[in-house]
Amino acid sequence: MADTGRQTGGETLERTKLETREPTLFKVILHNDDYTTMEFVVEVLETVFHKGPAEAFRIMMQVHTEGQGLCGLYPYEIAETKVATVHELAQENGFPLRASLEES
């Protein structure tokens, strides 16, 4: 009867355990300024960050009263794209609205 197992020539076979890690998340933060309208900030939160009207209003008020507001946690590439999208929309509409990202 033939040996159907793997022959190793005397070496030991080891099974490697694959470990998946969650990607590092980054906070996307909107910053307050004296010129961007509250309506535009709510619109950005609804369109770019897919927030509902109540959540968008809450974050907008946080930006207005505290100087900044957390829009969400995203992997780096997505966070970077959202920040760029905010800056592009703000520039197209003549507002100085700024967003930033930081590691959470």
PDB file of N, CA and C in Angstrom:
ATOM      1  N   MET A   1       0.847  -1.171   0.000  1.00  0.00           N
ATOM      2  CA  MET A   1       0.000   0.000   0.000  1.00  0.00           C
ATOM      3  C   MET A   1       0.891   1.232   0.000  1.00  0.00           C
ATOM      4  N   ALA A   2       0.624   2.185  -0.864  1.00  0.00           N
ATOM      5  CA  ALA A   2       1.453   3.381  -0.999  1.00  0.00           C
ATOM      6  C   ALA A   2       1.131   4.368   0.105  1.00  0.00           C
ATOM      7  N   ASP A   3       2.180   5.060   0.552  1.00  0.00           N
ATOM      8  CA  ASP A   3       2.004   6.085   1.579  1.00  0.00           C
ATOM      9  C   ASP A   3       1.492   7.356   0.902  1.00  0.00           C
ATOM     10  N   THR A   4       0.258   7.770   1.220  1.00  0.00           N
ATOM     11  CA  THR A   4      -0.332   8.949   0.578  1.00  0.00           C
ATOM     12  C   THR A   4      -0.055  10.230   1.352  1.00  0.00           C
ATOM     13  N   GLY A   5       0.587  10.140   2.517  1.00  0.00           N
ATOM     14  CA  GLY A   5       0.902  11.334   3.306  1.00  0.00           C
ATOM     15  C   GLY A   5       2.073  12.066   2.683  1.00  0.00           C
ATOM     16  N   ARG A   6       2.309  13.269   3.139  1.00  0.00           N
ATOM     17  CA  ARG A   6       3.420  14.072   2.612  1.00  0.00           C
ATOM     18  C   ARG A   6       4.710  13.624   3.259  1.00  0.00           C
ATOM     19  N   GLN A   7       5.691  13.449   2.455  1.00  0.00           N
ATOM     20  CA  GLN A   7       6.997  13.082   2.980  1.00  0.00           C
ATOM     21  C   GLN A   7       7.825  14.341   3.103  1.00  0.00           C
ATOM     22  N   THR A   8       8.486  14.485   4.238  1.00  0.00           N
ATOM     23  CA  THR A   8       9.195  15.727   4.490  1.00  0.00           C
ATOM     24  C   THR A   8      10.701  15.564   4.462  1.00  0.00           C
ATOM     25  N   GLY A   9      11.169  14.370   4.334  1.00  0.00           N
ATOM     26  CA  GLY A   9      12.606  14.176   4.330  1.00  0.00           C
ATOM     27  C   GLY A   9      13.207  14.444   5.699  1.00  0.00           C
ATOM     28  N   GLY A  10      12.451  14.243   6.747  1.00  0.00           N
ATOM     29  CA  GLY A  10      12.954  14.433   8.091  1.00  0.00           C
ATOM     30  C   GLY A  10      12.631  15.786   8.692  1.00  0.00           C
ATOM     31  N   GLU A  11      12.193  16.777   7.877  1.00  0.00           N
ATOM     32  CA  GLU A  11      11.847  18.083   8.435  1.00  0.00           C
ATOM     33  C   GLU A  11      10.452  18.024   9.049  1.00  0.00           C
ATOM     34  N   THR A  12      10.187  18.969   9.891  1.00  0.00           N
ATOM     35  CA  THR A  12       8.879  19.059  10.516  1.00  0.00           C
ATOM     36  C   THR A  12       8.041  20.067   9.739  1.00  0.00           C
ATOM     37  N   LEU A  13       6.841  19.671   9.387  1.00  0.00           N
ATOM     38  CA  LEU A  13       5.919  20.612   8.737  1.00  0.00           C
ATOM     39  C   LEU A  13       5.209  21.412   9.818  1.00  0.00           C
ATOM     40  N   GLU A  14       5.162  22.724   9.630  1.00  0.00           N
ATOM     41  CA  GLU A  14       4.436  23.561  10.572  1.00  0.00           C
ATOM     42  C   GLU A  14       3.279  24.223   9.852  1.00  0.00           C
ATOM     43  N   ARG A  15       2.186  24.301  10.526  1.00  0.00           N
ATOM     44  CA  ARG A  15       1.037  25.016   9.977  1.00  0.00           C
ATOM     45  C   ARG A  15       1.138  26.463  10.425  1.00  0.00           C
ATOM     46  N   THR A  16       1.088  27.338   9.471  1.00  0.00           N
ATOM     47  CA  THR A  16       1.125  28.747   9.834  1.00  0.00           C
ATOM     48  C   THR A  16      -0.286  29.216  10.106  1.00  0.00           C
ATOM     49  N   LYS A  17      -0.425  29.948  11.158  1.00  0.00           N
ATOM     50  CA  LYS A  17      -1.732  30.465  11.529  1.00  0.00           C
ATOM     51  C   LYS A  17      -1.865  31.871  10.944  1.00  0.00           C
ATOM     52  N   LEU A  18      -2.854  32.041  10.079  1.00  0.00           N
ATOM     53  CA  LEU A  18      -3.094  33.347   9.484  1.00  0.00           C
ATOM     54  C   LEU A  18      -3.890  34.197  10.467  1.00  0.00           C
ATOM     55  N   GLU A  19      -3.382  35.381  10.703  1.00  0.00           N
ATOM     56  CA  GLU A  19      -4.060  36.288  11.617  1.00  0.00           C
ATOM     57  C   GLU A  19      -4.457  37.540  10.848  1.00  0.00           C
ATOM     58  N   THR A  20      -5.738  37.816  10.840  1.00  0.00           N
ATOM     59  CA  THR A  20      -6.204  39.019  10.152  1.00  0.00           C
ATOM     60  C   THR A  20      -6.328  40.139  11.175  1.00  0.00           C
ATOM     61  N   ARG A  21      -5.910  41.304  10.768  1.00  0.00           N
ATOM     62  CA  ARG A  21      -6.001  42.467  11.639  1.00  0.00           C
ATOM     63  C   ARG A  21      -6.935  43.487  11.013  1.00  0.00           C
ATOM     64  N   GLU A  22      -7.653  44.156  11.858  1.00  0.00           N
ATOM     65  CA  GLU A  22      -8.502  45.238  11.397  1.00  0.00           C
ATOM     66  C   GLU A  22      -7.598  46.407  11.004  1.00  0.00           C
ATOM     67  N   PRO A  23      -7.950  47.158   9.967  1.00  0.00           N
ATOM     68  CA  PRO A  23      -7.115  48.298   9.591  1.00  0.00           C
ATOM     69  C   PRO A  23      -7.183  49.385  10.657  1.00  0.00           C
ATOM     70  N   THR A  24      -6.122  50.158  10.764  1.00  0.00           N
ATOM     71  CA  THR A  24      -6.109  51.296  11.675  1.00  0.00           C
ATOM     72  C   THR A  24      -7.139  52.304  11.183  1.00  0.00           C
ATOM     73  N   LEU A  25      -7.920  52.811  12.103  1.00  0.00           N
ATOM     74  CA  LEU A  25      -8.961  53.769  11.735  1.00  0.00           C
ATOM     75  C   LEU A  25      -8.492  55.189  12.031  1.00  0.00           C
ATOM     76  N   PHE A  26      -8.981  56.110  11.219  1.00  0.00           N
ATOM     77  CA  PHE A  26      -8.642  57.515  11.351  1.00  0.00           C
ATOM     78  C   PHE A  26      -9.918  58.324  11.538  1.00  0.00           C
ATOM     79  N   LYS A  27      -9.850  59.305  12.431  1.00  0.00           N
ATOM     80  CA  LYS A  27     -10.971  60.214  12.664  1.00  0.00           C
ATOM     81  C   LYS A  27     -10.972  61.280  11.571  1.00  0.00           C
ATOM     82  N   VAL A  28     -12.144  61.571  11.046  1.00  0.00           N
ATOM     83  CA  VAL A  28     -12.299  62.714  10.144  1.00  0.00           C
ATOM     84  C   VAL A  28     -13.023  63.793  10.940  1.00  0.00           C
ATOM     85  N   ILE A  29     -12.396  64.957  11.014  1.00  0.00           N
ATOM     86  CA  ILE A  29     -12.888  66.044  11.860  1.00  0.00           C
ATOM     87  C   ILE A  29     -13.147  67.281  11.003  1.00  0.00           C
ATOM     88  N   LEU A  30     -14.322  67.890  11.202  1.00  0.00           N
ATOM     89  CA  LEU A  30     -14.632  69.177  10.573  1.00  0.00           C
ATOM     90  C   LEU A  30     -14.257  70.290  11.543  1.00  0.00           C
ATOM     91  N   HIS A  31     -13.740  71.398  11.008  1.00  0.00           N
ATOM     92  CA  HIS A  31     -13.306  72.529  11.828  1.00  0.00           C
ATOM     93  C   HIS A  31     -14.189  73.744  11.567  1.00  0.00           C
ATOM     94  N   ASN A  32     -14.472  74.467  12.633  1.00  0.00           N
ATOM     95  CA  ASN A  32     -15.328  75.645  12.551  1.00  0.00           C
ATOM     96  C   ASN A  32     -14.594  76.813  11.896  1.00  0.00           C
ATOM     97  N   ASP A  33     -15.336  77.635  11.202  1.00  0.00           N
ATOM     98  CA  ASP A  33     -14.834  78.909  10.691  1.00  0.00           C
ATOM     99  C   ASP A  33     -15.981  79.910  10.758  1.00  0.00           C
ATOM    100  N   ASP A  34     -15.688  81.166  10.506  1.00  0.00           N
ATOM    101  CA  ASP A  34     -16.699  82.218  10.644  1.00  0.00           C
ATOM    102  C   ASP A  34     -17.505  82.475   9.374  1.00  0.00           C
ATOM    103  N   TYR A  35     -17.245  81.728   8.302  1.00  0.00           N
ATOM    104  CA  TYR A  35     -17.868  82.044   7.021  1.00  0.00           C
ATOM    105  C   TYR A  35     -18.759  80.947   6.448  1.00  0.00           C
ATOM    106  N   THR A  36     -18.425  79.694   6.696  1.00  0.00           N
ATOM    107  CA  THR A  36     -19.212  78.592   6.129  1.00  0.00           C
ATOM    108  C   THR A  36     -20.572  78.544   6.811  1.00  0.00           C
ATOM    109  N   THR A  37     -21.623  78.450   6.005  1.00  0.00           N
ATOM    110  CA  THR A  37     -22.973  78.431   6.573  1.00  0.00           C
ATOM    111  C   THR A  37     -23.268  77.084   7.226  1.00  0.00           C
ATOM    112  N   MET A  38     -24.152  77.143   8.202  1.00  0.00           N
ATOM    113  CA  MET A  38     -24.564  75.915   8.885  1.00  0.00           C
ATOM    114  C   MET A  38     -25.252  74.966   7.908  1.00  0.00           C
ATOM    115  N   GLU A  39     -26.018  75.532   6.984  1.00  0.00           N
ATOM    116  CA  GLU A  39     -26.722  74.710   6.002  1.00  0.00           C
ATOM    117  C   GLU A  39     -25.740  73.931   5.132  1.00  0.00           C
ATOM    118  N   PHE A  40     -24.639  74.590   4.746  1.00  0.00           N
ATOM    119  CA  PHE A  40     -23.648  73.911   3.914  1.00  0.00           C
ATOM    120  C   PHE A  40     -22.970  72.787   4.692  1.00  0.00           C
ATOM    121  N   VAL A  41     -22.667  73.017   5.957  1.00  0.00           N
ATOM    122  CA  VAL A  41     -22.046  71.973   6.787  1.00  0.00           C
ATOM    123  C   VAL A  41     -22.986  70.775   6.902  1.00  0.00           C
ATOM    124  N   VAL A  42     -24.262  71.025   7.115  1.00  0.00           N
ATOM    125  CA  VAL A  42     -25.240  69.923   7.189  1.00  0.00           C
ATOM    126  C   VAL A  42     -25.286  69.183   5.854  1.00  0.00           C
ATOM    127  N   GLU A  43     -25.284  69.917   4.757  1.00  0.00           N
ATOM    128  CA  GLU A  43     -25.300  69.291   3.427  1.00  0.00           C
ATOM    129  C   GLU A  43     -24.071  68.399   3.224  1.00  0.00           C
ATOM    130  N   VAL A  44     -22.904  68.878   3.626  1.00  0.00           N
ATOM    131  CA  VAL A  44     -21.674  68.085   3.509  1.00  0.00           C
ATOM    132  C   VAL A  44     -21.777  66.813   4.353  1.00  0.00           C
ATOM    133  N   LEU A  45     -22.265  66.956   5.556  1.00  0.00           N
ATOM    134  CA  LEU A  45     -22.393  65.786   6.438  1.00  0.00           C
ATOM    135  C   LEU A  45     -23.368  64.757   5.871  1.00  0.00           C
ATOM    136  N   GLU A  46     -24.429  65.230   5.243  1.00  0.00           N
ATOM    137  CA  GLU A  46     -25.408  64.312   4.664  1.00  0.00           C
ATOM    138  C   GLU A  46     -24.893  63.657   3.387  1.00  0.00           C
ATOM    139  N   THR A  47     -24.193  64.406   2.546  1.00  0.00           N
ATOM    140  CA  THR A  47     -23.783  63.859   1.248  1.00  0.00           C
ATOM    141  C   THR A  47     -22.457  63.111   1.312  1.00  0.00           C
ATOM    142  N   VAL A  48     -21.465  63.674   1.971  1.00  0.00           N
ATOM    143  CA  VAL A  48     -20.139  63.054   1.996  1.00  0.00           C
ATOM    144  C   VAL A  48     -20.070  61.949   3.046  1.00  0.00           C
ATOM    145  N   PHE A  49     -20.674  62.182   4.213  1.00  0.00           N
ATOM    146  CA  PHE A  49     -20.554  61.244   5.330  1.00  0.00           C
ATOM    147  C   PHE A  49     -21.809  60.400   5.546  1.00  0.00           C
ATOM    148  N   HIS A  50     -22.827  60.603   4.714  1.00  0.00           N
ATOM    149  CA  HIS A  50     -24.065  59.805   4.735  1.00  0.00           C
ATOM    150  C   HIS A  50     -24.736  59.805   6.111  1.00  0.00           C
ATOM    151  N   LYS A  51     -24.795  60.989   6.723  1.00  0.00           N
ATOM    152  CA  LYS A  51     -25.466  61.154   8.008  1.00  0.00           C
ATOM    153  C   LYS A  51     -26.919  61.521   7.753  1.00  0.00           C
ATOM    154  N   GLY A  52     -27.774  61.084   8.639  1.00  0.00           N
ATOM    155  CA  GLY A  52     -29.176  61.483   8.576  1.00  0.00           C
ATOM    156  C   GLY A  52     -29.299  62.939   9.002  1.00  0.00           C
ATOM    157  N   PRO A  53     -30.445  63.561   8.720  1.00  0.00           N
ATOM    158  CA  PRO A  53     -30.610  64.983   9.049  1.00  0.00           C
ATOM    159  C   PRO A  53     -30.370  65.313  10.528  1.00  0.00           C
ATOM    160  N   ALA A  54     -30.876  64.500  11.433  1.00  0.00           N
ATOM    161  CA  ALA A  54     -30.708  64.780  12.863  1.00  0.00           C
ATOM    162  C   ALA A  54     -29.244  64.658  13.284  1.00  0.00           C
ATOM    163  N   GLU A  55     -28.566  63.616  12.828  1.00  0.00           N
ATOM    164  CA  GLU A  55     -27.153  63.417  13.153  1.00  0.00           C
ATOM    165  C   GLU A  55     -26.291  64.517  12.523  1.00  0.00           C
ATOM    166  N   ALA A  56     -26.597  64.894  11.297  1.00  0.00           N
ATOM    167  CA  ALA A  56     -25.863  65.963  10.626  1.00  0.00           C
ATOM    168  C   ALA A  56     -26.025  67.281  11.387  1.00  0.00           C
ATOM    169  N   PHE A  57     -27.235  67.557  11.847  1.00  0.00           N
ATOM    170  CA  PHE A  57     -27.477  68.776  12.613  1.00  0.00           C
ATOM    171  C   PHE A  57     -26.715  68.752  13.930  1.00  0.00           C
ATOM    172  N   ARG A  58     -26.693  67.604  14.604  1.00  0.00           N
ATOM    173  CA  ARG A  58     -25.974  67.472  15.878  1.00  0.00           C
ATOM    174  C   ARG A  58     -24.475  67.729  15.693  1.00  0.00           C
ATOM    175  N   ILE A  59     -23.894  67.133  14.659  1.00  0.00           N
ATOM    176  CA  ILE A  59     -22.458  67.324  14.399  1.00  0.00           C
ATOM    177  C   ILE A  59     -22.175  68.770  14.014  1.00  0.00           C
ATOM    178  N   MET A  60     -23.045  69.361  13.193  1.00  0.00           N
ATOM    179  CA  MET A  60     -22.880  70.756  12.802  1.00  0.00           C
ATOM    180  C   MET A  60     -22.887  71.663  14.029  1.00  0.00           C
ATOM    181  N   MET A  61     -23.784  71.412  14.966  1.00  0.00           N
ATOM    182  CA  MET A  61     -23.839  72.223  16.182  1.00  0.00           C
ATOM    183  C   MET A  61     -22.594  72.012  17.039  1.00  0.00           C
ATOM    184  N   GLN A  62     -22.067  70.806  17.049  1.00  0.00           N
ATOM    185  CA  GLN A  62     -20.833  70.535  17.779  1.00  0.00           C
ATOM    186  C   GLN A  62     -19.667  71.326  17.150  1.00  0.00           C
ATOM    187  N   VAL A  63     -19.604  71.326  15.833  1.00  0.00           N
ATOM    188  CA  VAL A  63     -18.578  72.102  15.134  1.00  0.00           C
ATOM    189  C   VAL A  63     -18.743  73.585  15.482  1.00  0.00           C
ATOM    190  N   HIS A  64     -19.963  74.058  15.465  1.00  0.00           N
ATOM    191  CA  HIS A  64     -20.250  75.472  15.711  1.00  0.00           C
ATOM    192  C   HIS A  64     -19.915  75.887  17.144  1.00  0.00           C
ATOM    193  N   THR A  65     -20.263  75.070  18.113  1.00  0.00           N
ATOM    194  CA  THR A  65     -20.087  75.450  19.521  1.00  0.00           C
ATOM    195  C   THR A  65     -18.738  75.059  20.100  1.00  0.00           C
ATOM    196  N   GLU A  66     -18.168  73.941  19.647  1.00  0.00           N
ATOM    197  CA  GLU A  66     -16.922  73.449  20.232  1.00  0.00           C
ATOM    198  C   GLU A  66     -15.705  73.660  19.329  1.00  0.00           C
ATOM    199  N   GLY A  67     -15.929  74.104  18.105  1.00  0.00           N
ATOM    200  CA  GLY A  67     -14.820  74.379  17.207  1.00  0.00           C
ATOM    201  C   GLY A  67     -14.459  73.242  16.272  1.00  0.00           C
ATOM    202  N   GLN A  68     -14.922  72.054  16.580  1.00  0.00           N
ATOM    203  CA  GLN A  68     -14.696  70.911  15.691  1.00  0.00           C
ATOM    204  C   GLN A  68     -15.682  69.806  16.033  1.00  0.00           C
ATOM    205  N   GLY A  69     -15.877  68.915  15.064  1.00  0.00           N
ATOM    206  CA  GLY A  69     -16.813  67.811  15.268  1.00  0.00           C
ATOM    207  C   GLY A  69     -16.349  66.575  14.522  1.00  0.00           C
ATOM    208  N   LEU A  70     -16.532  65.430  15.150  1.00  0.00           N
ATOM    209  CA  LEU A  70     -16.143  64.146  14.570  1.00  0.00           C
ATOM    210  C   LEU A  70     -17.200  63.683  13.570  1.00  0.00           C
ATOM    211  N   CYS A  71     -16.756  63.421  12.340  1.00  0.00           N
ATOM    212  CA  CYS A  71     -17.660  62.973  11.281  1.00  0.00           C
ATOM    213  C   CYS A  71     -17.718  61.461  11.174  1.00  0.00           C
ATOM    214  N   GLY A  72     -16.658  60.773  11.567  1.00  0.00           N
ATOM    215  CA  GLY A  72     -16.644  59.325  11.484  1.00  0.00           C
ATOM    216  C   GLY A  72     -15.232  58.774  11.574  1.00  0.00           C
ATOM    217  N   LEU A  73     -15.156  57.446  11.669  1.00  0.00           N
ATOM    218  CA  LEU A  73     -13.888  56.711  11.704  1.00  0.00           C
ATOM    219  C   LEU A  73     -13.794  55.867  10.447  1.00  0.00           C
ATOM    220  N   TYR A  74     -12.665  55.980   9.739  1.00  0.00           N
ATOM    221  CA  TYR A  74     -12.503  55.296   8.460  1.00  0.00           C
ATOM    222  C   TYR A  74     -11.066  54.801   8.308  1.00  0.00           C
ATOM    223  N   PRO A  75     -10.862  53.757   7.486  1.00  0.00           N
ATOM    224  CA  PRO A  75      -9.487  53.403   7.117  1.00  0.00           C
ATOM    225  C   PRO A  75      -8.835  54.605   6.424  1.00  0.00           C
ATOM    226  N   TYR A  76      -7.504  54.658   6.431  1.00  0.00           N
ATOM    227  CA  TYR A  76      -6.765  55.844   5.974  1.00  0.00           C
ATOM    228  C   TYR A  76      -7.188  56.331   4.592  1.00  0.00           C
ATOM    229  N   GLU A  77      -7.245  55.442   3.611  1.00  0.00           N
ATOM    230  CA  GLU A  77      -7.530  55.865   2.245  1.00  0.00           C
ATOM    231  C   GLU A  77      -8.917  56.492   2.128  1.00  0.00           C
ATOM    232  N   ILE A  78      -9.878  55.916   2.836  1.00  0.00           N
ATOM    233  CA  ILE A  78     -11.245  56.450   2.788  1.00  0.00           C
ATOM    234  C   ILE A  78     -11.299  57.797   3.505  1.00  0.00           C
ATOM    235  N   ALA A  79     -10.642  57.897   4.662  1.00  0.00           N
ATOM    236  CA  ALA A  79     -10.612  59.164   5.405  1.00  0.00           C
ATOM    237  C   ALA A  79      -9.963  60.256   4.573  1.00  0.00           C
ATOM    238  N   GLU A  80      -8.874  59.921   3.915  1.00  0.00           N
ATOM    239  CA  GLU A  80      -8.160  60.886   3.076  1.00  0.00           C
ATOM    240  C   GLU A  80      -9.052  61.372   1.929  1.00  0.00           C
ATOM    241  N   THR A  81      -9.792  60.457   1.328  1.00  0.00           N
ATOM    242  CA  THR A  81     -10.699  60.812   0.237  1.00  0.00           C
ATOM    243  C   THR A  81     -11.825  61.708   0.730  1.00  0.00           C
ATOM    244  N   LYS A  82     -12.372  61.419   1.896  1.00  0.00           N
ATOM    245  CA  LYS A  82     -13.458  62.237   2.437  1.00  0.00           C
ATOM    246  C   LYS A  82     -12.975  63.652   2.753  1.00  0.00           C
ATOM    247  N   VAL A  83     -11.771  63.779   3.310  1.00  0.00           N
ATOM    248  CA  VAL A  83     -11.214  65.104   3.594  1.00  0.00           C
ATOM    249  C   VAL A  83     -11.039  65.879   2.288  1.00  0.00           C
ATOM    250  N   ALA A  84     -10.495  65.229   1.271  1.00  0.00           N
ATOM    251  CA  ALA A  84     -10.304  65.887  -0.022  1.00  0.00           C
ATOM    252  C   ALA A  84     -11.645  66.296  -0.633  1.00  0.00           C
ATOM    253  N   THR A  85     -12.661  65.460  -0.491  1.00  0.00           N
ATOM    254  CA  THR A  85     -13.991  65.763  -1.020  1.00  0.00           C
ATOM    255  C   THR A  85     -14.595  66.976  -0.318  1.00  0.00           C
ATOM    256  N   VAL A  86     -14.438  67.044   1.000  1.00  0.00           N
ATOM    257  CA  VAL A  86     -14.932  68.211   1.756  1.00  0.00           C
ATOM    258  C   VAL A  86     -14.259  69.476   1.254  1.00  0.00           C
ATOM    259  N   HIS A  87     -12.928  69.442   1.100  1.00  0.00           N
ATOM    260  CA  HIS A  87     -12.205  70.628   0.645  1.00  0.00           C
ATOM    261  C   HIS A  87     -12.624  71.038  -0.763  1.00  0.00           C
ATOM    262  N   GLU A  88     -12.830  70.047  -1.625  1.00  0.00           N
ATOM    263  CA  GLU A  88     -13.248  70.333  -3.005  1.00  0.00           C
ATOM    264  C   GLU A  88     -14.636  70.967  -3.038  1.00  0.00           C
ATOM    265  N   LEU A  89     -15.582  70.392  -2.291  1.00  0.00           N
ATOM    266  CA  LEU A  89     -16.942  70.949  -2.250  1.00  0.00           C
ATOM    267  C   LEU A  89     -16.947  72.358  -1.664  1.00  0.00           C
ATOM    268  N   ALA A  90     -16.170  72.569  -0.622  1.00  0.00           N
ATOM    269  CA  ALA A  90     -16.104  73.887   0.011  1.00  0.00           C
ATOM    270  C   ALA A  90     -15.545  74.914  -0.964  1.00  0.00           C
ATOM    271  N   GLN A  91     -14.490  74.548  -1.669  1.00  0.00           N
ATOM    272  CA  GLN A  91     -13.892  75.478  -2.627  1.00  0.00           C
ATOM    273  C   GLN A  91     -14.865  75.797  -3.764  1.00  0.00           C
ATOM    274  N   GLU A  92     -15.546  74.770  -4.278  1.00  0.00           N
ATOM    275  CA  GLU A  92     -16.515  74.985  -5.362  1.00  0.00           C
ATOM    276  C   GLU A  92     -17.641  75.919  -4.953  1.00  0.00           C
ATOM    277  N   ASN A  93     -17.975  75.913  -3.646  1.00  0.00           N
ATOM    278  CA  ASN A  93     -19.080  76.731  -3.160  1.00  0.00           C
ATOM    279  C   ASN A  93     -18.617  78.015  -2.475  1.00  0.00           C
ATOM    280  N   GLY A  94     -17.319  78.288  -2.526  1.00  0.00           N
ATOM    281  CA  GLY A  94     -16.789  79.530  -1.986  1.00  0.00           C
ATOM    282  C   GLY A  94     -16.693  79.592  -0.476  1.00  0.00           C
ATOM    283  N   PHE A  95     -16.549  78.451   0.178  1.00  0.00           N
ATOM    284  CA  PHE A  95     -16.440  78.413   1.636  1.00  0.00           C
ATOM    285  C   PHE A  95     -15.046  77.946   2.059  1.00  0.00           C
ATOM    286  N   PRO A  96     -14.576  78.420   3.214  1.00  0.00           N
ATOM    287  CA  PRO A  96     -13.260  77.991   3.709  1.00  0.00           C
ATOM    288  C   PRO A  96     -13.318  76.767   4.628  1.00  0.00           C
ATOM    289  N   LEU A  97     -14.378  75.989   4.583  1.00  0.00           N
ATOM    290  CA  LEU A  97     -14.536  74.830   5.464  1.00  0.00           C
ATOM    291  C   LEU A  97     -13.330  73.909   5.339  1.00  0.00           C
ATOM    292  N   ARG A  98     -12.802  73.467   6.481  1.00  0.00           N
ATOM    293  CA  ARG A  98     -11.648  72.577   6.502  1.00  0.00           C
ATOM    294  C   ARG A  98     -12.002  71.309   7.257  1.00  0.00           C
ATOM    295  N   ALA A  99     -11.371  70.234   6.824  1.00  0.00           N
ATOM    296  CA  ALA A  99     -11.493  68.947   7.505  1.00  0.00           C
ATOM    297  C   ALA A  99     -10.088  68.404   7.678  1.00  0.00           C
ATOM    298  N   SER A 100      -9.915  67.551   8.665  1.00  0.00           N
ATOM    299  CA  SER A 100      -8.608  66.923   8.877  1.00  0.00           C
ATOM    300  C   SER A 100      -8.825  65.488   9.317  1.00  0.00           C
ATOM    301  N   LEU A 101      -7.739  64.737   9.329  1.00  0.00           N
ATOM    302  CA  LEU A 101      -7.825  63.372   9.831  1.00  0.00           C
ATOM    303  C   LEU A 101      -6.714  63.161  10.839  1.00  0.00           C
ATOM    304  N   GLU A 102      -7.007  62.310  11.807  1.00  0.00           N
ATOM    305  CA  GLU A 102      -6.005  61.935  12.802  1.00  0.00           C
ATOM    306  C   GLU A 102      -6.253  60.489  13.215  1.00  0.00           C
ATOM    307  N   GLU A 103      -5.172  59.825  13.571  1.00  0.00           N
ATOM    308  CA  GLU A 103      -5.291  58.425  13.956  1.00  0.00           C
ATOM    309  C   GLU A 103      -6.102  58.310  15.229  1.00  0.00           C
ATOM    310  N   SER A 104      -6.996  57.341  15.262  1.00  0.00           N
ATOM    311  CA  SER A 104      -7.837  57.189  16.455  1.00  0.00           C
ATOM    312  C   SER A 104      -7.190  56.298  17.482  1.00  0.00           C
TER     313      SER A 104
END
